[in-house]
Amino acid sequence: MTQEIHVRRYDIDWLRCLAFLLLIFYHVGMYYVFDWGWHIKSAEQSVWLQDVMVWSNQWRMSLLFFISGLVTSLADHKLSHWAILKERSSRLLLPLIFGMFVIVAPQVYYEGLTQDLFEPGYWDFWLHYINPNSEFLSDHHGPIGLLTWNHLWFLPYLWCYSLILLAISPWITQ
C-alpha cells in the first residue's frame, strides 16, 4: 500500500510532542537531580532521579534530531528547497532570537542573582545583557557578550543541519 505524500503525519506530530514533553521534564529534573551542576539547584535533591536522567541521556537528543530530520525529509518531497529554507528559518531562527532576548534573559538574571553577581534590577541587567560591548560581568561573556541561547542551542544546530541536508539532498535522493 502506498501512502499519499501530502497526508499529514499525526504520528510524527505526537512523537515530537512526547519528545519535547520529555525534554521539559528533563530540564525541570535538573533542578532536583543530585550531584550535577545546573544553573540553580533545589535544596531538595534526588539520587534516583539521576539514574532516570542518565538513562534518557542515551537517546533523548538523538530522538529529537531524528524526528527533525524525518520532518525535513518529508517536506523535501513536497516543497522547494527555497520554501523549506524559508520555513525552517521562520520556525527556528525567529524563536531563537525571541528566546534569547525574552526567555533566556530572565534565566541568566535569576542565576546571577542567586550567585550574588550583581544587585537586583532586571531592566539595568537586561540592557547590559543585550549589549555585546558591555563591560558588565565581562568574565561571563561569550562571543556576543552576555547574550546567550543557553538551552536553545538545539535551534541553531537544527537550522545548520537543515541547510546541510538541503545542500546534499540532490546527491542522496532520487
Protein backbone atom coordinates (compact mmCIF):
# COMPACT_ATOMS: atom_id res chain seq x y z
CA MET A 1 0.00 0.00 0.00
CA THR A 2 1.46 3.37 -0.98
CA GLN A 3 0.91 6.36 1.19
CA GLU A 4 -0.05 9.73 -0.20
CA ILE A 5 2.94 12.07 0.24
CA HIS A 6 0.81 15.10 1.14
CA VAL A 7 -1.02 13.42 4.02
CA ARG A 8 -0.34 14.92 7.43
CA ARG A 9 1.65 12.53 9.65
CA TYR A 10 -0.05 12.85 13.02
CA ASP A 11 2.04 10.00 14.40
CA ILE A 12 5.16 12.11 13.89
CA ASP A 13 3.42 15.14 15.42
CA TRP A 14 2.60 13.12 18.52
CA LEU A 15 6.09 11.66 18.72
CA ARG A 16 7.51 15.20 18.52
CA CYS A 17 5.15 16.38 21.28
CA LEU A 18 6.11 13.47 23.52
CA ALA A 19 9.82 14.07 22.87
CA PHE A 20 9.52 17.74 23.84
CA LEU A 21 7.46 16.84 26.89
CA LEU A 22 10.29 14.55 27.94
CA LEU A 23 12.75 17.39 27.30
CA ILE A 24 10.75 19.74 29.52
CA PHE A 25 10.59 17.17 32.34
CA TYR A 26 14.32 16.56 31.92
CA HIS A 27 15.16 20.23 32.37
CA VAL A 28 12.84 20.54 35.36
CA GLY A 29 14.53 17.45 36.79
CA MET A 30 17.93 19.13 36.52
CA TYR A 31 16.77 21.45 39.30
CA TYR A 32 16.39 18.42 41.60
CA VAL A 33 18.95 15.85 40.42
CA PHE A 34 21.69 15.05 42.90
CA ASP A 35 25.36 15.87 42.25
CA TRP A 36 25.02 17.50 38.82
CA GLY A 37 25.83 21.10 38.07
CA TRP A 38 22.97 23.29 36.96
CA HIS A 39 22.20 26.99 36.83
CA ILE A 40 20.21 26.85 40.04
CA LYS A 41 19.59 23.91 42.35
CA SER A 42 16.89 22.98 44.81
CA ALA A 43 17.78 22.18 48.39
CA GLU A 44 15.73 19.01 47.86
CA GLN A 45 17.71 16.70 45.58
CA SER A 46 17.14 13.15 44.42
CA VAL A 47 19.67 10.39 43.79
CA TRP A 48 17.22 8.07 41.98
CA LEU A 49 16.33 10.87 39.56
CA GLN A 50 19.94 10.87 38.39
CA ASP A 51 19.57 7.25 37.20
CA VAL A 52 16.44 8.10 35.21
CA MET A 53 18.16 11.07 33.61
CA VAL A 54 21.32 9.12 32.75
CA TRP A 55 19.08 6.52 31.08
CA SER A 56 17.33 9.17 28.97
CA ASN A 57 20.64 10.87 28.09
CA GLN A 58 21.45 7.93 25.85
CA TRP A 59 18.65 8.63 23.36
CA ARG A 60 16.59 11.78 24.01
CA MET A 61 18.58 14.21 21.81
CA SER A 62 19.04 11.60 19.09
CA LEU A 63 15.28 11.19 19.05
CA LEU A 64 14.73 14.93 18.59
CA PHE A 65 17.28 15.15 15.76
CA PHE A 66 15.79 12.04 14.12
CA ILE A 67 12.28 13.50 14.20
CA SER A 68 13.51 16.82 12.81
CA GLY A 69 15.40 15.08 10.01
CA LEU A 70 12.35 12.99 9.20
CA VAL A 71 10.13 16.06 9.00
CA THR A 72 12.66 17.86 6.80
CA SER A 73 12.86 14.82 4.55
CA LEU A 74 9.08 14.66 4.22
CA ALA A 75 8.97 18.38 3.41
CA ASP A 76 11.69 17.88 0.77
CA HIS A 77 9.24 15.74 -1.20
CA LYS A 78 6.59 18.44 -1.44
CA LEU A 79 8.35 21.83 -1.14
CA SER A 80 11.15 23.54 -2.99
CA HIS A 81 14.46 23.94 -1.21
CA TRP A 82 13.88 27.69 -1.05
CA ALA A 83 10.47 27.14 0.59
CA ILE A 84 11.99 24.72 3.11
CA LEU A 85 14.76 27.20 3.92
CA LYS A 86 12.22 29.99 4.48
CA GLU A 87 10.03 27.71 6.58
CA ARG A 88 12.96 26.40 8.65
CA SER A 89 14.32 29.90 9.17
CA SER A 90 10.99 31.26 10.36
CA ARG A 91 10.36 28.26 12.62
CA LEU A 92 13.87 28.06 14.07
CA LEU A 93 15.66 31.40 13.87
CA LEU A 94 12.77 33.67 14.86
CA PRO A 95 12.01 31.64 18.01
CA LEU A 96 15.76 31.55 18.74
CA ILE A 97 16.05 35.33 18.60
CA PHE A 98 12.87 35.79 20.64
CA GLY A 99 14.07 33.21 23.16
CA MET A 100 17.50 34.80 23.57
CA PHE A 101 16.04 38.25 24.28
CA VAL A 102 12.87 37.32 26.17
CA ILE A 103 13.03 33.78 27.59
CA VAL A 104 16.73 33.23 28.38
CA ALA A 105 17.40 36.72 29.76
CA PRO A 106 15.35 36.19 32.96
CA GLN A 107 17.05 32.82 33.46
CA VAL A 108 20.50 34.41 33.27
CA TYR A 109 19.33 37.24 35.53
CA TYR A 110 17.95 34.89 38.18
CA GLU A 111 21.06 32.71 38.05
CA GLY A 112 23.23 35.81 38.54
CA LEU A 113 21.11 36.91 41.49
CA THR A 114 21.42 33.51 43.17
CA GLN A 115 25.21 33.74 42.81
CA ASP A 116 25.29 37.35 44.11
CA LEU A 117 26.96 38.57 40.91
CA PHE A 118 25.05 41.88 40.88
CA GLU A 119 22.37 43.89 42.64
CA PRO A 120 18.68 43.34 41.81
CA GLY A 121 17.32 45.41 38.94
CA TYR A 122 16.18 43.50 35.86
CA TRP A 123 15.94 46.42 33.42
CA ASP A 124 19.51 47.53 34.08
CA PHE A 125 20.70 43.92 33.76
CA TRP A 126 18.78 43.42 30.52
CA LEU A 127 20.31 46.50 28.90
CA HIS A 128 23.77 45.09 29.66
CA TYR A 129 22.65 41.61 28.59
CA ILE A 130 21.65 42.71 25.08
CA ASN A 131 24.70 44.96 24.58
CA PRO A 132 27.62 42.86 23.24
CA ASN A 133 30.04 45.70 24.07
CA SER A 134 29.04 45.99 27.72
CA GLU A 135 31.79 45.52 30.29
CA PHE A 136 29.23 44.29 32.85
CA LEU A 137 30.24 40.81 34.11
CA SER A 138 32.94 40.64 31.44
CA ASP A 139 34.33 37.38 32.86
CA HIS A 140 30.98 35.74 31.96
CA HIS A 141 30.94 36.97 28.35
CA GLY A 142 30.75 34.73 25.34
CA PRO A 143 31.41 35.75 21.73
CA ILE A 144 28.43 38.13 21.81
CA GLY A 145 28.72 39.42 25.35
CA LEU A 146 26.26 38.16 27.95
CA LEU A 147 23.66 37.40 25.28
CA THR A 148 23.30 33.63 25.05
CA TRP A 149 20.99 30.97 23.73
CA ASN A 150 21.65 28.69 26.72
CA HIS A 151 19.40 25.66 26.27
CA LEU A 152 18.05 26.86 22.94
CA TRP A 153 21.26 25.58 21.29
CA PHE A 154 19.18 22.94 19.52
CA LEU A 155 17.58 25.56 17.27
CA PRO A 156 20.70 26.94 15.53
CA TYR A 157 22.18 23.45 15.30
CA LEU A 158 18.99 22.16 13.69
CA TRP A 159 18.94 25.11 11.28
CA CYS A 160 22.55 24.39 10.22
CA TYR A 161 21.83 20.67 9.83
CA SER A 162 18.80 21.54 7.70
CA LEU A 163 20.99 23.68 5.44
CA ILE A 164 23.46 20.83 5.08
CA LEU A 165 20.67 18.36 4.31
CA LEU A 166 19.21 20.67 1.69
CA ALA A 167 22.63 21.16 0.12
CA ILE A 168 23.37 17.45 -0.18
CA SER A 169 19.84 16.18 -0.87
CA PRO A 170 20.26 16.16 -4.68
CA TRP A 171 23.03 13.60 -4.23
CA ILE A 172 21.27 11.41 -1.65
CA THR A 173 17.74 11.35 -3.08
CA GLN A 174 16.48 10.13 -6.41
